[in-house]
């Protein structure tokens, strides 16, 4: 998981100086489906990027197991 931590924003609440902690987590998700690979990036719960790469049955059919597809799907993500 890749993340970026942002902290120490000063705010005034009810006349008091407070330190507001704000964590921003950058999350990369990769979902290898039966005929597609979905890739998304989130800042916490906000989606900032999404892409679906479609694969033909012929492309996927050359592999016996999903583990055998590893290099194929790794190479495909460079098309983004």
PDB file of N, CA and C in Angstrom:
ATOM      1  N   UNK A   1       0.839  -1.165   0.000  1.00  0.00           N
ATOM      2  CA  UNK A   1       0.000   0.000   0.000  1.00  0.00           C
ATOM      3  C   UNK A   1       0.891   1.236   0.000  1.00  0.00           C
ATOM      4  N   UNK A   2       0.538   2.187  -0.830  1.00  0.00           N
ATOM      5  CA  UNK A   2       1.249   3.452  -0.885  1.00  0.00           C
ATOM      6  C   UNK A   2       0.414   4.477  -0.135  1.00  0.00           C
ATOM      7  N   UNK A   3       1.030   5.231   0.757  1.00  0.00           N
ATOM      8  CA  UNK A   3       0.270   6.264   1.454  1.00  0.00           C
ATOM      9  C   UNK A   3       1.112   7.506   1.680  1.00  0.00           C
ATOM     10  N   UNK A   4       0.411   8.601   1.883  1.00  0.00           N
ATOM     11  CA  UNK A   4       1.044   9.871   2.153  1.00  0.00           C
ATOM     12  C   UNK A   4       0.392  10.414   3.415  1.00  0.00           C
ATOM     13  N   UNK A   5       1.165  10.850   4.379  1.00  0.00           N
ATOM     14  CA  UNK A   5       0.637  11.321   5.647  1.00  0.00           C
ATOM     15  C   UNK A   5       0.750  12.847   5.712  1.00  0.00           C
ATOM     16  N   UNK A   6      -0.378  13.523   5.908  1.00  0.00           N
ATOM     17  CA  UNK A   6      -0.402  14.976   6.016  1.00  0.00           C
ATOM     18  C   UNK A   6      -0.874  15.306   7.423  1.00  0.00           C
ATOM     19  N   UNK A   7      -0.058  16.057   8.187  1.00  0.00           N
ATOM     20  CA  UNK A   7      -0.411  16.344   9.578  1.00  0.00           C
ATOM     21  C   UNK A   7      -0.211  17.809   9.915  1.00  0.00           C
ATOM     22  N   UNK A   8      -0.660  18.154  11.122  1.00  0.00           N
ATOM     23  CA  UNK A   8      -0.354  19.428  11.768  1.00  0.00           C
ATOM     24  C   UNK A   8      -0.906  20.651  11.039  1.00  0.00           C
ATOM     25  N   UNK A   9      -2.203  20.697  10.831  1.00  0.00           N
ATOM     26  CA  UNK A   9      -2.842  21.912  10.357  1.00  0.00           C
ATOM     27  C   UNK A   9      -3.380  22.632  11.587  1.00  0.00           C
ATOM     28  N   UNK A  10      -3.071  23.904  11.709  1.00  0.00           N
ATOM     29  CA  UNK A  10      -3.515  24.675  12.852  1.00  0.00           C
ATOM     30  C   UNK A  10      -4.878  25.293  12.556  1.00  0.00           C
ATOM     31  N   UNK A  11      -5.817  25.158  13.488  1.00  0.00           N
ATOM     32  CA  UNK A  11      -7.142  25.747  13.347  1.00  0.00           C
ATOM     33  C   UNK A  11      -7.532  26.365  14.689  1.00  0.00           C
ATOM     34  N   UNK A  12      -8.479  27.277  14.651  1.00  0.00           N
ATOM     35  CA  UNK A  12      -9.010  27.872  15.875  1.00  0.00           C
ATOM     36  C   UNK A  12     -10.423  27.342  16.069  1.00  0.00           C
ATOM     37  N   UNK A  13     -10.652  26.666  17.191  1.00  0.00           N
ATOM     38  CA  UNK A  13     -11.964  26.127  17.535  1.00  0.00           C
ATOM     39  C   UNK A  13     -12.385  26.706  18.873  1.00  0.00           C
ATOM     40  N   UNK A  14     -13.520  27.405  18.898  1.00  0.00           N
ATOM     41  CA  UNK A  14     -14.037  27.991  20.135  1.00  0.00           C
ATOM     42  C   UNK A  14     -12.975  28.814  20.857  1.00  0.00           C
ATOM     43  N   UNK A  15     -12.226  29.603  20.091  1.00  0.00           N
ATOM     44  CA  UNK A  15     -11.232  30.478  20.676  1.00  0.00           C
ATOM     45  C   UNK A  15      -9.937  29.799  21.096  1.00  0.00           C
ATOM     46  N   UNK A  16      -9.808  28.514  20.861  1.00  0.00           N
ATOM     47  CA  UNK A  16      -8.592  27.786  21.233  1.00  0.00           C
ATOM     48  C   UNK A  16      -7.846  27.351  19.974  1.00  0.00           C
ATOM     49  N   UNK A  17      -6.541  27.478  20.034  1.00  0.00           N
ATOM     50  CA  UNK A  17      -5.710  27.015  18.926  1.00  0.00           C
ATOM     51  C   UNK A  17      -5.583  25.500  19.024  1.00  0.00           C
ATOM     52  N   UNK A  18      -5.948  24.798  17.992  1.00  0.00           N
ATOM     53  CA  UNK A  18      -5.919  23.335  17.981  1.00  0.00           C
ATOM     54  C   UNK A  18      -5.048  22.848  16.824  1.00  0.00           C
ATOM     55  N   UNK A  19      -4.495  21.690  16.976  1.00  0.00           N
ATOM     56  CA  UNK A  19      -3.767  21.030  15.897  1.00  0.00           C
ATOM     57  C   UNK A  19      -4.691  19.983  15.311  1.00  0.00           C
ATOM     58  N   UNK A  20      -4.980  20.112  14.034  1.00  0.00           N
ATOM     59  CA  UNK A  20      -5.867  19.159  13.370  1.00  0.00           C
ATOM     60  C   UNK A  20      -5.009  18.134  12.646  1.00  0.00           C
ATOM     61  N   UNK A  21      -5.208  16.889  12.973  1.00  0.00           N
ATOM     62  CA  UNK A  21      -4.484  15.809  12.309  1.00  0.00           C
ATOM     63  C   UNK A  21      -5.325  15.327  11.132  1.00  0.00           C
ATOM     64  N   UNK A  22      -4.736  15.262   9.982  1.00  0.00           N
ATOM     65  CA  UNK A  22      -5.443  14.779   8.796  1.00  0.00           C
ATOM     66  C   UNK A  22      -4.551  13.784   8.096  1.00  0.00           C
ATOM     67  N   UNK A  23      -4.975  12.551   8.055  1.00  0.00           N
ATOM     68  CA  UNK A  23      -4.237  11.516   7.335  1.00  0.00           C
ATOM     69  C   UNK A  23      -4.863  11.336   5.969  1.00  0.00           C
ATOM     70  N   UNK A  24      -4.038  11.361   4.955  1.00  0.00           N
ATOM     71  CA  UNK A  24      -4.502  11.048   3.604  1.00  0.00           C
ATOM     72  C   UNK A  24      -3.769   9.791   3.174  1.00  0.00           C
ATOM     73  N   UNK A  25      -4.539   8.750   2.924  1.00  0.00           N
ATOM     74  CA  UNK A  25      -3.981   7.494   2.465  1.00  0.00           C
ATOM     75  C   UNK A  25      -4.248   7.351   0.979  1.00  0.00           C
ATOM     76  N   UNK A  26      -3.196   7.153   0.203  1.00  0.00           N
ATOM     77  CA  UNK A  26      -3.336   6.874  -1.221  1.00  0.00           C
ATOM     78  C   UNK A  26      -3.405   5.357  -1.365  1.00  0.00           C
ATOM     79  N   UNK A  27      -4.498   4.884  -1.959  1.00  0.00           N
ATOM     80  CA  UNK A  27      -4.751   3.452  -2.052  1.00  0.00           C
ATOM     81  C   UNK A  27      -4.832   3.055  -3.523  1.00  0.00           C
ATOM     82  N   UNK A  28      -4.037   2.076  -3.907  1.00  0.00           N
ATOM     83  CA  UNK A  28      -4.067   1.516  -5.254  1.00  0.00           C
ATOM     84  C   UNK A  28      -4.797   0.188  -5.180  1.00  0.00           C
ATOM     85  N   UNK A  29      -5.849   0.029  -6.001  1.00  0.00           N
ATOM     86  CA  UNK A  29      -6.560  -1.250  -6.055  1.00  0.00           C
ATOM     87  C   UNK A  29      -6.433  -1.825  -7.456  1.00  0.00           C
ATOM     88  N   UNK A  30      -6.206  -3.125  -7.514  1.00  0.00           N
ATOM     89  CA  UNK A  30      -6.143  -3.849  -8.782  1.00  0.00           C
ATOM     90  C   UNK A  30      -7.060  -5.053  -8.643  1.00  0.00           C
ATOM     91  N   UNK A  31      -8.061  -5.134  -9.509  1.00  0.00           N
ATOM     92  CA  UNK A  31      -9.042  -6.204  -9.460  1.00  0.00           C
ATOM     93  C   UNK A  31      -8.985  -7.002 -10.761  1.00  0.00           C
ATOM     94  N   UNK A  32      -8.299  -8.161 -10.761  1.00  0.00           N
ATOM     95  CA  UNK A  32      -8.242  -8.983 -11.970  1.00  0.00           C
ATOM     96  C   UNK A  32      -9.515  -9.813 -12.097  1.00  0.00           C
ATOM     97  N   UNK A  33     -10.367  -9.438 -13.038  1.00  0.00           N
ATOM     98  CA  UNK A  33     -11.608 -10.168 -13.267  1.00  0.00           C
ATOM     99  C   UNK A  33     -11.436 -11.216 -14.349  1.00  0.00           C
ATOM    100  N   UNK A  34     -12.544 -11.842 -14.719  1.00  0.00           N
ATOM    101  CA  UNK A  34     -12.455 -12.932 -15.703  1.00  0.00           C
ATOM    102  C   UNK A  34     -12.096 -12.428 -17.100  1.00  0.00           C
ATOM    103  N   UNK A  35     -12.580 -11.230 -17.489  1.00  0.00           N
ATOM    104  CA  UNK A  35     -12.242 -10.692 -18.813  1.00  0.00           C
ATOM    105  C   UNK A  35     -11.811  -9.230 -18.754  1.00  0.00           C
ATOM    106  N   UNK A  36     -11.445  -8.753 -17.560  1.00  0.00           N
ATOM    107  CA  UNK A  36     -10.982  -7.372 -17.442  1.00  0.00           C
ATOM    108  C   UNK A  36     -10.073  -7.239 -16.227  1.00  0.00           C
ATOM    109  N   UNK A  37      -9.325  -6.143 -16.219  1.00  0.00           N
ATOM    110  CA  UNK A  37      -8.542  -5.762 -15.052  1.00  0.00           C
ATOM    111  C   UNK A  37      -8.969  -4.344 -14.701  1.00  0.00           C
ATOM    112  N   UNK A  38      -9.476  -4.169 -13.492  1.00  0.00           N
ATOM    113  CA  UNK A  38      -9.905  -2.848 -13.045  1.00  0.00           C
ATOM    114  C   UNK A  38      -8.843  -2.290 -12.110  1.00  0.00           C
ATOM    115  N   UNK A  39      -8.490  -1.033 -12.357  1.00  0.00           N
ATOM    116  CA  UNK A  39      -7.465  -0.360 -11.564  1.00  0.00           C
ATOM    117  C   UNK A  39      -8.063   0.955 -11.078  1.00  0.00           C
ATOM    118  N   UNK A  40      -7.848   1.259  -9.806  1.00  0.00           N
ATOM    119  CA  UNK A  40      -8.344   2.518  -9.254  1.00  0.00           C
ATOM    120  C   UNK A  40      -7.358   3.034  -8.210  1.00  0.00           C
ATOM    121  N   UNK A  41      -7.355   4.361  -8.051  1.00  0.00           N
ATOM    122  CA  UNK A  41      -6.555   5.015  -7.017  1.00  0.00           C
ATOM    123  C   UNK A  41      -7.513   5.878  -6.198  1.00  0.00           C
ATOM    124  N   UNK A  42      -7.344   5.817  -4.882  1.00  0.00           N
ATOM    125  CA  UNK A  42      -8.182   6.581  -3.967  1.00  0.00           C
ATOM    126  C   UNK A  42      -7.321   7.426  -3.051  1.00  0.00           C
ATOM    127  N   UNK A  43      -7.809   8.603  -2.702  1.00  0.00           N
ATOM    128  CA  UNK A  43      -7.314   9.382  -1.569  1.00  0.00           C
ATOM    129  C   UNK A  43      -8.361   9.164  -0.482  1.00  0.00           C
ATOM    130  N   UNK A  44      -7.998   8.366   0.506  1.00  0.00           N
ATOM    131  CA  UNK A  44      -8.952   7.902   1.511  1.00  0.00           C
ATOM    132  C   UNK A  44     -10.133   7.260   0.803  1.00  0.00           C
ATOM    133  N   UNK A  45     -11.344   7.798   0.945  1.00  0.00           N
ATOM    134  CA  UNK A  45     -12.495   7.175   0.303  1.00  0.00           C
ATOM    135  C   UNK A  45     -12.908   7.870  -0.997  1.00  0.00           C
ATOM    136  N   UNK A  46     -12.109   8.812  -1.481  1.00  0.00           N
ATOM    137  CA  UNK A  46     -12.414   9.543  -2.703  1.00  0.00           C
ATOM    138  C   UNK A  46     -11.647   8.957  -3.884  1.00  0.00           C
ATOM    139  N   UNK A  47     -12.382   8.471  -4.868  1.00  0.00           N
ATOM    140  CA  UNK A  47     -11.740   7.927  -6.064  1.00  0.00           C
ATOM    141  C   UNK A  47     -11.144   9.067  -6.882  1.00  0.00           C
ATOM    142  N   UNK A  48      -9.854   8.946  -7.230  1.00  0.00           N
ATOM    143  CA  UNK A  48      -9.197   9.976  -8.028  1.00  0.00           C
ATOM    144  C   UNK A  48      -8.805   9.465  -9.413  1.00  0.00           C
ATOM    145  N   UNK A  49      -8.859   8.153  -9.615  1.00  0.00           N
ATOM    146  CA  UNK A  49      -8.540   7.569 -10.917  1.00  0.00           C
ATOM    147  C   UNK A  49      -9.190   6.194 -10.999  1.00  0.00           C
ATOM    148  N   UNK A  50      -9.732   5.875 -12.189  1.00  0.00           N
ATOM    149  CA  UNK A  50     -10.313   4.550 -12.405  1.00  0.00           C
ATOM    150  C   UNK A  50     -10.160   4.196 -13.876  1.00  0.00           C
ATOM    151  N   UNK A  51      -9.797   2.947 -14.123  1.00  0.00           N
ATOM    152  CA  UNK A  51      -9.647   2.475 -15.510  1.00  0.00           C
ATOM    153  C   UNK A  51      -9.988   0.993 -15.549  1.00  0.00           C
ATOM    154  N   UNK A  52     -10.733   0.598 -16.569  1.00  0.00           N
ATOM    155  CA  UNK A  52     -11.030  -0.806 -16.795  1.00  0.00           C
ATOM    156  C   UNK A  52     -10.384  -1.219 -18.110  1.00  0.00           C
ATOM    157  N   UNK A  53      -9.529  -2.227 -18.045  1.00  0.00           N
ATOM    158  CA  UNK A  53      -8.880  -2.769 -19.231  1.00  0.00           C
ATOM    159  C   UNK A  53      -9.586  -4.065 -19.599  1.00  0.00           C
ATOM    160  N   UNK A  54     -10.137  -4.136 -20.788  1.00  0.00           N
ATOM    161  CA  UNK A  54     -10.860  -5.330 -21.249  1.00  0.00           C
ATOM    162  C   UNK A  54      -9.895  -6.303 -21.925  1.00  0.00           C
ATOM    163  N   UNK A  55     -10.114  -7.590 -21.684  1.00  0.00           N
ATOM    164  CA  UNK A  55      -9.292  -8.632 -22.288  1.00  0.00           C
ATOM    165  C   UNK A  55     -10.214  -9.577 -23.052  1.00  0.00           C
ATOM    166  N   UNK A  56      -9.792  -9.968 -24.232  1.00  0.00           N
ATOM    167  CA  UNK A  56     -10.612 -10.906 -25.014  1.00  0.00           C
ATOM    168  C   UNK A  56     -10.522 -12.304 -24.393  1.00  0.00           C
ATOM    169  N   UNK A  57     -11.506 -13.119 -24.685  1.00  0.00           N
ATOM    170  CA  UNK A  57     -11.506 -14.503 -24.206  1.00  0.00           C
ATOM    171  C   UNK A  57     -10.294 -15.258 -24.740  1.00  0.00           C
ATOM    172  N   UNK A  58      -9.868 -14.918 -25.963  1.00  0.00           N
ATOM    173  CA  UNK A  58      -8.681 -15.571 -26.532  1.00  0.00           C
ATOM    174  C   UNK A  58      -7.420 -15.231 -25.730  1.00  0.00           C
ATOM    175  N   UNK A  59      -7.302 -13.958 -25.315  1.00  0.00           N
ATOM    176  CA  UNK A  59      -6.137 -13.554 -24.525  1.00  0.00           C
ATOM    177  C   UNK A  59      -6.100 -14.309 -23.193  1.00  0.00           C
ATOM    178  N   UNK A  60      -7.226 -14.334 -22.510  1.00  0.00           N
ATOM    179  CA  UNK A  60      -7.296 -14.971 -21.190  1.00  0.00           C
ATOM    180  C   UNK A  60      -7.265 -16.494 -21.314  1.00  0.00           C
ATOM    181  N   UNK A  61      -7.841 -17.020 -22.394  1.00  0.00           N
ATOM    182  CA  UNK A  61      -7.944 -18.464 -22.585  1.00  0.00           C
ATOM    183  C   UNK A  61      -6.625 -19.193 -22.726  1.00  0.00           C
ATOM    184  N   UNK A  62      -5.558 -18.464 -23.010  1.00  0.00           N
ATOM    185  CA  UNK A  62      -4.250 -19.122 -23.162  1.00  0.00           C
ATOM    186  C   UNK A  62      -3.626 -19.501 -21.826  1.00  0.00           C
ATOM    187  N   UNK A  63      -4.250 -19.080 -20.708  1.00  0.00           N
ATOM    188  CA  UNK A  63      -3.709 -19.369 -19.379  1.00  0.00           C
ATOM    189  C   UNK A  63      -4.603 -20.372 -18.660  1.00  0.00           C
ATOM    190  N   UNK A  64      -3.981 -21.330 -17.976  1.00  0.00           N
ATOM    191  CA  UNK A  64      -4.745 -22.356 -17.260  1.00  0.00           C
ATOM    192  C   UNK A  64      -5.302 -21.837 -15.934  1.00  0.00           C
ATOM    193  N   UNK A  65      -4.515 -21.022 -15.233  1.00  0.00           N
ATOM    194  CA  UNK A  65      -4.959 -20.513 -13.931  1.00  0.00           C
ATOM    195  C   UNK A  65      -4.770 -19.002 -13.880  1.00  0.00           C
ATOM    196  N   UNK A  66      -5.413 -18.365 -12.898  1.00  0.00           N
ATOM    197  CA  UNK A  66      -5.235 -16.921 -12.752  1.00  0.00           C
ATOM    198  C   UNK A  66      -3.791 -16.578 -12.383  1.00  0.00           C
ATOM    199  N   UNK A  67      -3.122 -17.465 -11.660  1.00  0.00           N
ATOM    200  CA  UNK A  67      -1.709 -17.234 -11.321  1.00  0.00           C
ATOM    201  C   UNK A  67      -0.846 -17.203 -12.581  1.00  0.00           C
ATOM    202  N   UNK A  68      -1.222 -17.991 -13.584  1.00  0.00           N
ATOM    203  CA  UNK A  68      -0.483 -17.998 -14.851  1.00  0.00           C
ATOM    204  C   UNK A  68      -0.633 -16.673 -15.611  1.00  0.00           C
ATOM    205  N   UNK A  69      -1.652 -15.883 -15.261  1.00  0.00           N
ATOM    206  CA  UNK A  69      -1.915 -14.613 -15.932  1.00  0.00           C
ATOM    207  C   UNK A  69      -1.075 -13.462 -15.376  1.00  0.00           C
ATOM    208  N   UNK A  70      -0.289 -13.709 -14.346  1.00  0.00           N
ATOM    209  CA  UNK A  70       0.410 -12.632 -13.639  1.00  0.00           C
ATOM    210  C   UNK A  70       1.207 -11.725 -14.573  1.00  0.00           C
ATOM    211  N   UNK A  71       2.108 -12.272 -15.364  1.00  0.00           N
ATOM    212  CA  UNK A  71       2.945 -11.445 -16.243  1.00  0.00           C
ATOM    213  C   UNK A  71       2.116 -10.733 -17.303  1.00  0.00           C
ATOM    214  N   UNK A  72       1.090 -11.399 -17.835  1.00  0.00           N
ATOM    215  CA  UNK A  72       0.209 -10.778 -18.818  1.00  0.00           C
ATOM    216  C   UNK A  72      -0.464  -9.542 -18.220  1.00  0.00           C
ATOM    217  N   UNK A  73      -1.039  -9.690 -17.044  1.00  0.00           N
ATOM    218  CA  UNK A  73      -1.753  -8.557 -16.423  1.00  0.00           C
ATOM    219  C   UNK A  73      -0.771  -7.479 -15.970  1.00  0.00           C
ATOM    220  N   UNK A  74       0.425  -7.860 -15.541  1.00  0.00           N
ATOM    221  CA  UNK A  74       1.437  -6.887 -15.153  1.00  0.00           C
ATOM    222  C   UNK A  74       1.851  -6.053 -16.371  1.00  0.00           C
ATOM    223  N   UNK A  75       2.011  -6.685 -17.510  1.00  0.00           N
ATOM    224  CA  UNK A  75       2.376  -5.981 -18.732  1.00  0.00           C
ATOM    225  C   UNK A  75       1.233  -5.080 -19.243  1.00  0.00           C
ATOM    226  N   UNK A  76       0.009  -5.531 -19.092  1.00  0.00           N
ATOM    227  CA  UNK A  76      -1.161  -4.768 -19.559  1.00  0.00           C
ATOM    228  C   UNK A  76      -1.295  -3.448 -18.809  1.00  0.00           C
ATOM    229  N   UNK A  77      -0.937  -3.406 -17.533  1.00  0.00           N
ATOM    230  CA  UNK A  77      -1.122  -2.168 -16.761  1.00  0.00           C
ATOM    231  C   UNK A  77      -0.258  -1.037 -17.290  1.00  0.00           C
ATOM    232  N   UNK A  78       0.749  -1.347 -18.097  1.00  0.00           N
ATOM    233  CA  UNK A  78       1.565  -0.293 -18.684  1.00  0.00           C
ATOM    234  C   UNK A  78       0.811   0.446 -19.790  1.00  0.00           C
ATOM    235  N   UNK A  79      -0.324  -0.064 -20.205  1.00  0.00           N
ATOM    236  CA  UNK A  79      -1.146   0.590 -21.221  1.00  0.00           C
ATOM    237  C   UNK A  79      -1.943   1.759 -20.651  1.00  0.00           C
ATOM    238  N   UNK A  80      -1.911   1.924 -19.340  1.00  0.00           N
ATOM    239  CA  UNK A  80      -2.712   2.976 -18.706  1.00  0.00           C
ATOM    240  C   UNK A  80      -2.140   4.336 -19.007  1.00  0.00           C
TER     241      UNK A  80
END
